[in-house]
Amino acid sequence: CSTALRSASNPQLVSSTIELLVHAYANVDQDIRLGASENLHRLIKALLGTQLSRLQQSLFHELKKNGASRSISISLECFSSLYPRTRPQKSQSLSQQLHPVLMRIMER
């Protein structure tokens, strides 16, 4: 993973990269989806120790968009893999924010 992503100097870079990969995952071509999935998981693994809250925030934003079903599935998969690492103080408020988003997704 690039050192530019690991540094906190450009917070928008992480968000826009996740947005691009989630959007690519919704593509019809299976090779593009596979590449997007691999790179998204690689990005999360590389930034897990330093950018956890930014990763969660970006994935939560993608869930709130309520876009294509494939985009929602990869966002939810990655978000759920990060959730156990959330500090207990934040987990309750995060759950409360996530509940209405999940309800909107289920209503589709």
N, C-alpha and C. Protein backbone atom coordinates (compact mmCIF):
# COMPACT_ATOMS: atom_id res chain seq x y z
N CYS A 1 0.84 -1.17 0.00
CA CYS A 1 0.00 0.00 0.00
C CYS A 1 0.89 1.24 0.00
N SER A 2 0.47 2.24 -0.67
CA SER A 2 1.25 3.45 -0.81
C SER A 2 1.41 4.17 0.52
N THR A 3 2.58 4.80 0.69
CA THR A 3 2.80 5.58 1.91
C THR A 3 1.91 6.80 1.95
N ALA A 4 1.45 7.28 0.78
CA ALA A 4 0.54 8.42 0.76
C ALA A 4 -0.78 8.08 1.43
N LEU A 5 -1.24 6.85 1.28
CA LEU A 5 -2.48 6.44 1.95
C LEU A 5 -2.28 6.25 3.43
N ARG A 6 -1.09 5.78 3.82
CA ARG A 6 -0.84 5.54 5.24
C ARG A 6 -0.69 6.81 6.04
N SER A 7 -0.27 7.88 5.42
CA SER A 7 -0.08 9.13 6.15
C SER A 7 -1.43 9.80 6.38
N ALA A 8 -1.51 10.55 7.42
CA ALA A 8 -2.76 11.23 7.76
C ALA A 8 -2.85 12.60 7.08
N SER A 9 -1.91 12.92 6.19
CA SER A 9 -1.87 14.25 5.59
C SER A 9 -3.02 14.48 4.60
N ASN A 10 -3.54 13.43 4.00
CA ASN A 10 -4.61 13.59 3.03
C ASN A 10 -5.77 12.67 3.37
N PRO A 11 -6.66 13.09 4.24
CA PRO A 11 -7.75 12.21 4.67
C PRO A 11 -8.73 11.89 3.56
N GLN A 12 -8.86 12.75 2.56
CA GLN A 12 -9.80 12.48 1.47
C GLN A 12 -9.33 11.35 0.57
N LEU A 13 -8.04 11.07 0.56
CA LEU A 13 -7.50 10.04 -0.32
C LEU A 13 -8.05 8.66 0.06
N VAL A 14 -8.13 8.37 1.33
CA VAL A 14 -8.67 7.09 1.78
C VAL A 14 -10.14 6.97 1.41
N SER A 15 -10.91 8.02 1.67
CA SER A 15 -12.34 8.00 1.37
C SER A 15 -12.61 7.84 -0.12
N SER A 16 -11.89 8.60 -0.92
CA SER A 16 -12.14 8.52 -2.36
C SER A 16 -11.67 7.19 -2.94
N THR A 17 -10.60 6.60 -2.39
CA THR A 17 -10.14 5.29 -2.84
C THR A 17 -11.17 4.22 -2.52
N ILE A 18 -11.71 4.25 -1.31
CA ILE A 18 -12.74 3.28 -0.93
C ILE A 18 -13.98 3.47 -1.80
N GLU A 19 -14.37 4.70 -2.03
CA GLU A 19 -15.54 4.97 -2.87
C GLU A 19 -15.33 4.41 -4.28
N LEU A 20 -14.16 4.61 -4.83
CA LEU A 20 -13.86 4.11 -6.18
C LEU A 20 -13.88 2.58 -6.23
N LEU A 21 -13.29 1.93 -5.22
CA LEU A 21 -13.25 0.47 -5.20
C LEU A 21 -14.65 -0.13 -5.00
N VAL A 22 -15.45 0.48 -4.16
CA VAL A 22 -16.82 0.00 -3.95
C VAL A 22 -17.64 0.18 -5.23
N HIS A 23 -17.44 1.31 -5.89
CA HIS A 23 -18.14 1.54 -7.16
C HIS A 23 -17.70 0.53 -8.21
N ALA A 24 -16.41 0.22 -8.26
CA ALA A 24 -15.90 -0.77 -9.22
C ALA A 24 -16.45 -2.16 -8.92
N TYR A 25 -16.70 -2.45 -7.66
CA TYR A 25 -17.24 -3.76 -7.30
C TYR A 25 -18.64 -3.97 -7.85
N ALA A 26 -19.35 -2.90 -8.12
CA ALA A 26 -20.71 -3.01 -8.67
C ALA A 26 -20.71 -3.24 -10.17
N ASN A 27 -19.54 -3.31 -10.79
CA ASN A 27 -19.42 -3.50 -12.23
C ASN A 27 -19.95 -4.87 -12.64
N VAL A 28 -20.36 -4.97 -13.88
CA VAL A 28 -20.89 -6.22 -14.42
C VAL A 28 -19.78 -7.25 -14.63
N ASP A 29 -18.59 -6.79 -15.01
CA ASP A 29 -17.47 -7.68 -15.31
C ASP A 29 -16.91 -8.32 -14.03
N GLN A 30 -16.84 -9.63 -14.03
CA GLN A 30 -16.38 -10.36 -12.84
C GLN A 30 -14.92 -10.08 -12.52
N ASP A 31 -14.08 -9.89 -13.53
CA ASP A 31 -12.67 -9.60 -13.28
C ASP A 31 -12.48 -8.26 -12.57
N ILE A 32 -13.28 -7.29 -12.94
CA ILE A 32 -13.21 -5.99 -12.28
C ILE A 32 -13.67 -6.11 -10.84
N ARG A 33 -14.75 -6.85 -10.60
CA ARG A 33 -15.22 -7.05 -9.23
C ARG A 33 -14.18 -7.76 -8.37
N LEU A 34 -13.53 -8.78 -8.94
CA LEU A 34 -12.51 -9.51 -8.20
C LEU A 34 -11.34 -8.60 -7.84
N GLY A 35 -10.89 -7.80 -8.79
CA GLY A 35 -9.79 -6.88 -8.54
C GLY A 35 -10.16 -5.83 -7.50
N ALA A 36 -11.37 -5.30 -7.59
CA ALA A 36 -11.83 -4.30 -6.62
C ALA A 36 -11.90 -4.90 -5.23
N SER A 37 -12.41 -6.12 -5.12
CA SER A 37 -12.52 -6.78 -3.83
C SER A 37 -11.14 -7.04 -3.22
N GLU A 38 -10.23 -7.56 -4.02
CA GLU A 38 -8.89 -7.84 -3.53
C GLU A 38 -8.19 -6.57 -3.07
N ASN A 39 -8.30 -5.51 -3.86
CA ASN A 39 -7.63 -4.27 -3.50
C ASN A 39 -8.28 -3.59 -2.30
N LEU A 40 -9.59 -3.70 -2.17
CA LEU A 40 -10.25 -3.13 -1.00
C LEU A 40 -9.82 -3.86 0.27
N HIS A 41 -9.76 -5.18 0.22
CA HIS A 41 -9.31 -5.94 1.39
C HIS A 41 -7.83 -5.67 1.69
N ARG A 42 -7.03 -5.50 0.67
CA ARG A 42 -5.62 -5.18 0.86
C ARG A 42 -5.46 -3.80 1.50
N LEU A 43 -6.27 -2.85 1.05
CA LEU A 43 -6.23 -1.49 1.61
C LEU A 43 -6.63 -1.51 3.08
N ILE A 44 -7.68 -2.23 3.40
CA ILE A 44 -8.13 -2.31 4.79
C ILE A 44 -7.07 -2.96 5.67
N LYS A 45 -6.46 -4.01 5.18
CA LYS A 45 -5.42 -4.69 5.95
C LYS A 45 -4.23 -3.76 6.20
N ALA A 46 -3.86 -2.97 5.20
CA ALA A 46 -2.71 -2.08 5.34
C ALA A 46 -2.99 -0.92 6.28
N LEU A 47 -4.23 -0.44 6.31
CA LEU A 47 -4.55 0.74 7.10
C LEU A 47 -5.23 0.43 8.43
N LEU A 48 -5.37 -0.83 8.74
CA LEU A 48 -6.12 -1.24 9.92
C LEU A 48 -5.57 -0.64 11.21
N GLY A 49 -4.27 -0.62 11.36
CA GLY A 49 -3.67 -0.14 12.60
C GLY A 49 -3.70 1.36 12.78
N THR A 50 -3.67 2.11 11.67
CA THR A 50 -3.53 3.56 11.79
C THR A 50 -4.78 4.34 11.42
N GLN A 51 -5.63 3.81 10.57
CA GLN A 51 -6.75 4.57 10.03
C GLN A 51 -8.10 3.89 10.26
N LEU A 52 -8.25 3.17 11.35
CA LEU A 52 -9.46 2.39 11.59
C LEU A 52 -10.72 3.24 11.54
N SER A 53 -10.73 4.36 12.23
CA SER A 53 -11.95 5.17 12.27
C SER A 53 -12.25 5.77 10.91
N ARG A 54 -11.24 6.14 10.16
CA ARG A 54 -11.46 6.68 8.82
C ARG A 54 -12.01 5.60 7.88
N LEU A 55 -11.50 4.37 8.02
CA LEU A 55 -12.02 3.26 7.22
C LEU A 55 -13.49 3.01 7.54
N GLN A 56 -13.81 2.96 8.83
CA GLN A 56 -15.20 2.73 9.24
C GLN A 56 -16.11 3.85 8.74
N GLN A 57 -15.62 5.07 8.84
CA GLN A 57 -16.43 6.20 8.41
C GLN A 57 -16.69 6.15 6.90
N SER A 58 -15.69 5.80 6.13
CA SER A 58 -15.84 5.73 4.68
C SER A 58 -16.79 4.61 4.28
N LEU A 59 -16.65 3.46 4.92
CA LEU A 59 -17.54 2.34 4.61
C LEU A 59 -18.97 2.63 5.05
N PHE A 60 -19.13 3.29 6.20
CA PHE A 60 -20.45 3.69 6.66
C PHE A 60 -21.09 4.65 5.67
N HIS A 61 -20.30 5.56 5.14
CA HIS A 61 -20.80 6.51 4.14
C HIS A 61 -21.28 5.77 2.88
N GLU A 62 -20.55 4.74 2.49
CA GLU A 62 -20.96 3.96 1.33
C GLU A 62 -22.27 3.20 1.61
N LEU A 63 -22.43 2.73 2.85
CA LEU A 63 -23.69 2.06 3.21
C LEU A 63 -24.86 3.04 3.19
N LYS A 64 -24.61 4.27 3.65
CA LYS A 64 -25.67 5.27 3.68
C LYS A 64 -26.12 5.66 2.28
N LYS A 65 -25.25 5.53 1.30
CA LYS A 65 -25.63 5.87 -0.08
C LYS A 65 -26.73 4.96 -0.60
N ASN A 66 -26.80 3.74 -0.07
CA ASN A 66 -27.83 2.78 -0.46
C ASN A 66 -27.83 2.58 -1.97
N GLY A 67 -26.63 2.31 -2.51
CA GLY A 67 -26.46 2.17 -3.95
C GLY A 67 -26.79 0.78 -4.44
N ALA A 68 -26.00 0.31 -5.39
CA ALA A 68 -26.21 -1.01 -5.98
C ALA A 68 -26.04 -2.10 -4.94
N SER A 69 -26.73 -3.20 -5.15
CA SER A 69 -26.71 -4.28 -4.16
C SER A 69 -25.30 -4.85 -3.97
N ARG A 70 -24.51 -4.91 -5.03
CA ARG A 70 -23.14 -5.40 -4.89
C ARG A 70 -22.29 -4.44 -4.07
N SER A 71 -22.51 -3.15 -4.27
CA SER A 71 -21.77 -2.15 -3.48
C SER A 71 -22.12 -2.27 -2.01
N ILE A 72 -23.39 -2.47 -1.73
CA ILE A 72 -23.82 -2.62 -0.34
C ILE A 72 -23.21 -3.87 0.26
N SER A 73 -23.18 -4.96 -0.50
CA SER A 73 -22.66 -6.21 0.07
C SER A 73 -21.18 -6.12 0.41
N ILE A 74 -20.36 -5.52 -0.45
CA ILE A 74 -18.93 -5.42 -0.14
C ILE A 74 -18.72 -4.42 0.99
N SER A 75 -19.48 -3.33 1.02
CA SER A 75 -19.34 -2.35 2.10
C SER A 75 -19.72 -2.97 3.44
N LEU A 76 -20.81 -3.71 3.45
CA LEU A 76 -21.27 -4.35 4.67
C LEU A 76 -20.30 -5.43 5.13
N GLU A 77 -19.75 -6.19 4.19
CA GLU A 77 -18.77 -7.22 4.53
C GLU A 77 -17.54 -6.60 5.19
N CYS A 78 -17.01 -5.54 4.59
CA CYS A 78 -15.81 -4.91 5.13
C CYS A 78 -16.11 -4.20 6.45
N PHE A 79 -17.25 -3.52 6.52
CA PHE A 79 -17.62 -2.82 7.74
C PHE A 79 -17.79 -3.80 8.90
N SER A 80 -18.42 -4.93 8.62
CA SER A 80 -18.63 -5.92 9.68
C SER A 80 -17.32 -6.55 10.13
N SER A 81 -16.34 -6.64 9.24
CA SER A 81 -15.05 -7.18 9.66
C SER A 81 -14.29 -6.20 10.54
N LEU A 82 -14.57 -4.91 10.41
CA LEU A 82 -13.90 -3.89 11.22
C LEU A 82 -14.63 -3.62 12.54
N TYR A 83 -15.90 -3.94 12.61
CA TYR A 83 -16.71 -3.59 13.78
C TYR A 83 -16.17 -4.17 15.10
N PRO A 84 -15.70 -5.41 15.15
CA PRO A 84 -15.19 -5.92 16.43
C PRO A 84 -13.98 -5.15 16.98
N ARG A 85 -13.32 -4.41 16.13
CA ARG A 85 -12.16 -3.63 16.57
C ARG A 85 -12.54 -2.26 17.11
N THR A 86 -13.82 -1.95 17.07
CA THR A 86 -14.30 -0.66 17.56
C THR A 86 -14.20 -0.60 19.07
N ARG A 87 -13.78 0.54 19.58
CA ARG A 87 -13.71 0.72 21.03
C ARG A 87 -15.11 0.62 21.62
N PRO A 88 -15.22 0.04 22.82
CA PRO A 88 -16.55 -0.12 23.42
C PRO A 88 -17.31 1.19 23.60
N GLN A 89 -16.60 2.29 23.83
CA GLN A 89 -17.26 3.58 23.99
C GLN A 89 -17.95 4.03 22.71
N LYS A 90 -17.40 3.66 21.57
CA LYS A 90 -17.96 4.08 20.29
C LYS A 90 -18.96 3.08 19.72
N SER A 91 -18.89 1.85 20.15
CA SER A 91 -19.70 0.81 19.51
C SER A 91 -21.20 1.04 19.67
N GLN A 92 -21.63 1.55 20.82
CA GLN A 92 -23.06 1.77 21.02
C GLN A 92 -23.57 2.88 20.11
N SER A 93 -22.86 4.00 20.02
CA SER A 93 -23.31 5.08 19.16
C SER A 93 -23.23 4.67 17.68
N LEU A 94 -22.23 3.89 17.34
CA LEU A 94 -22.11 3.41 15.97
C LEU A 94 -23.27 2.48 15.62
N SER A 95 -23.66 1.64 16.57
CA SER A 95 -24.80 0.74 16.35
C SER A 95 -26.09 1.53 16.17
N GLN A 96 -26.25 2.58 16.95
CA GLN A 96 -27.45 3.40 16.84
C GLN A 96 -27.51 4.13 15.50
N GLN A 97 -26.36 4.55 14.99
CA GLN A 97 -26.32 5.21 13.69
C GLN A 97 -26.53 4.21 12.56
N LEU A 98 -26.07 3.00 12.76
CA LEU A 98 -26.16 1.98 11.72
C LEU A 98 -27.57 1.41 11.58
N HIS A 99 -28.32 1.38 12.65
CA HIS A 99 -29.66 0.77 12.64
C HIS A 99 -30.57 1.35 11.57
N PRO A 100 -30.77 2.69 11.48
CA PRO A 100 -31.67 3.21 10.45
C PRO A 100 -31.16 2.95 9.02
N VAL A 101 -29.85 2.93 8.87
CA VAL A 101 -29.28 2.65 7.54
C VAL A 101 -29.60 1.23 7.12
N LEU A 102 -29.45 0.29 8.04
CA LEU A 102 -29.76 -1.10 7.73
C LEU A 102 -31.25 -1.30 7.48
N MET A 103 -32.07 -0.57 8.18
CA MET A 103 -33.52 -0.66 7.97
C MET A 103 -33.88 -0.18 6.56
N ARG A 104 -33.26 0.91 6.09
CA ARG A 104 -33.51 1.40 4.74
C ARG A 104 -33.05 0.39 3.69
N ILE A 105 -31.92 -0.26 3.96
CA ILE A 105 -31.41 -1.27 3.03
C ILE A 105 -32.37 -2.45 2.96
N MET A 106 -32.89 -2.86 4.11
CA MET A 106 -33.79 -4.02 4.14
C MET A 106 -35.14 -3.72 3.47
N GLU A 107 -35.54 -2.47 3.43
CA GLU A 107 -36.82 -2.10 2.82
C GLU A 107 -36.78 -2.16 1.30
N ARG A 108 -35.64 -2.26 0.72
CA ARG A 108 -35.52 -2.27 -0.75
C ARG A 108 -36.15 -3.48 -1.37
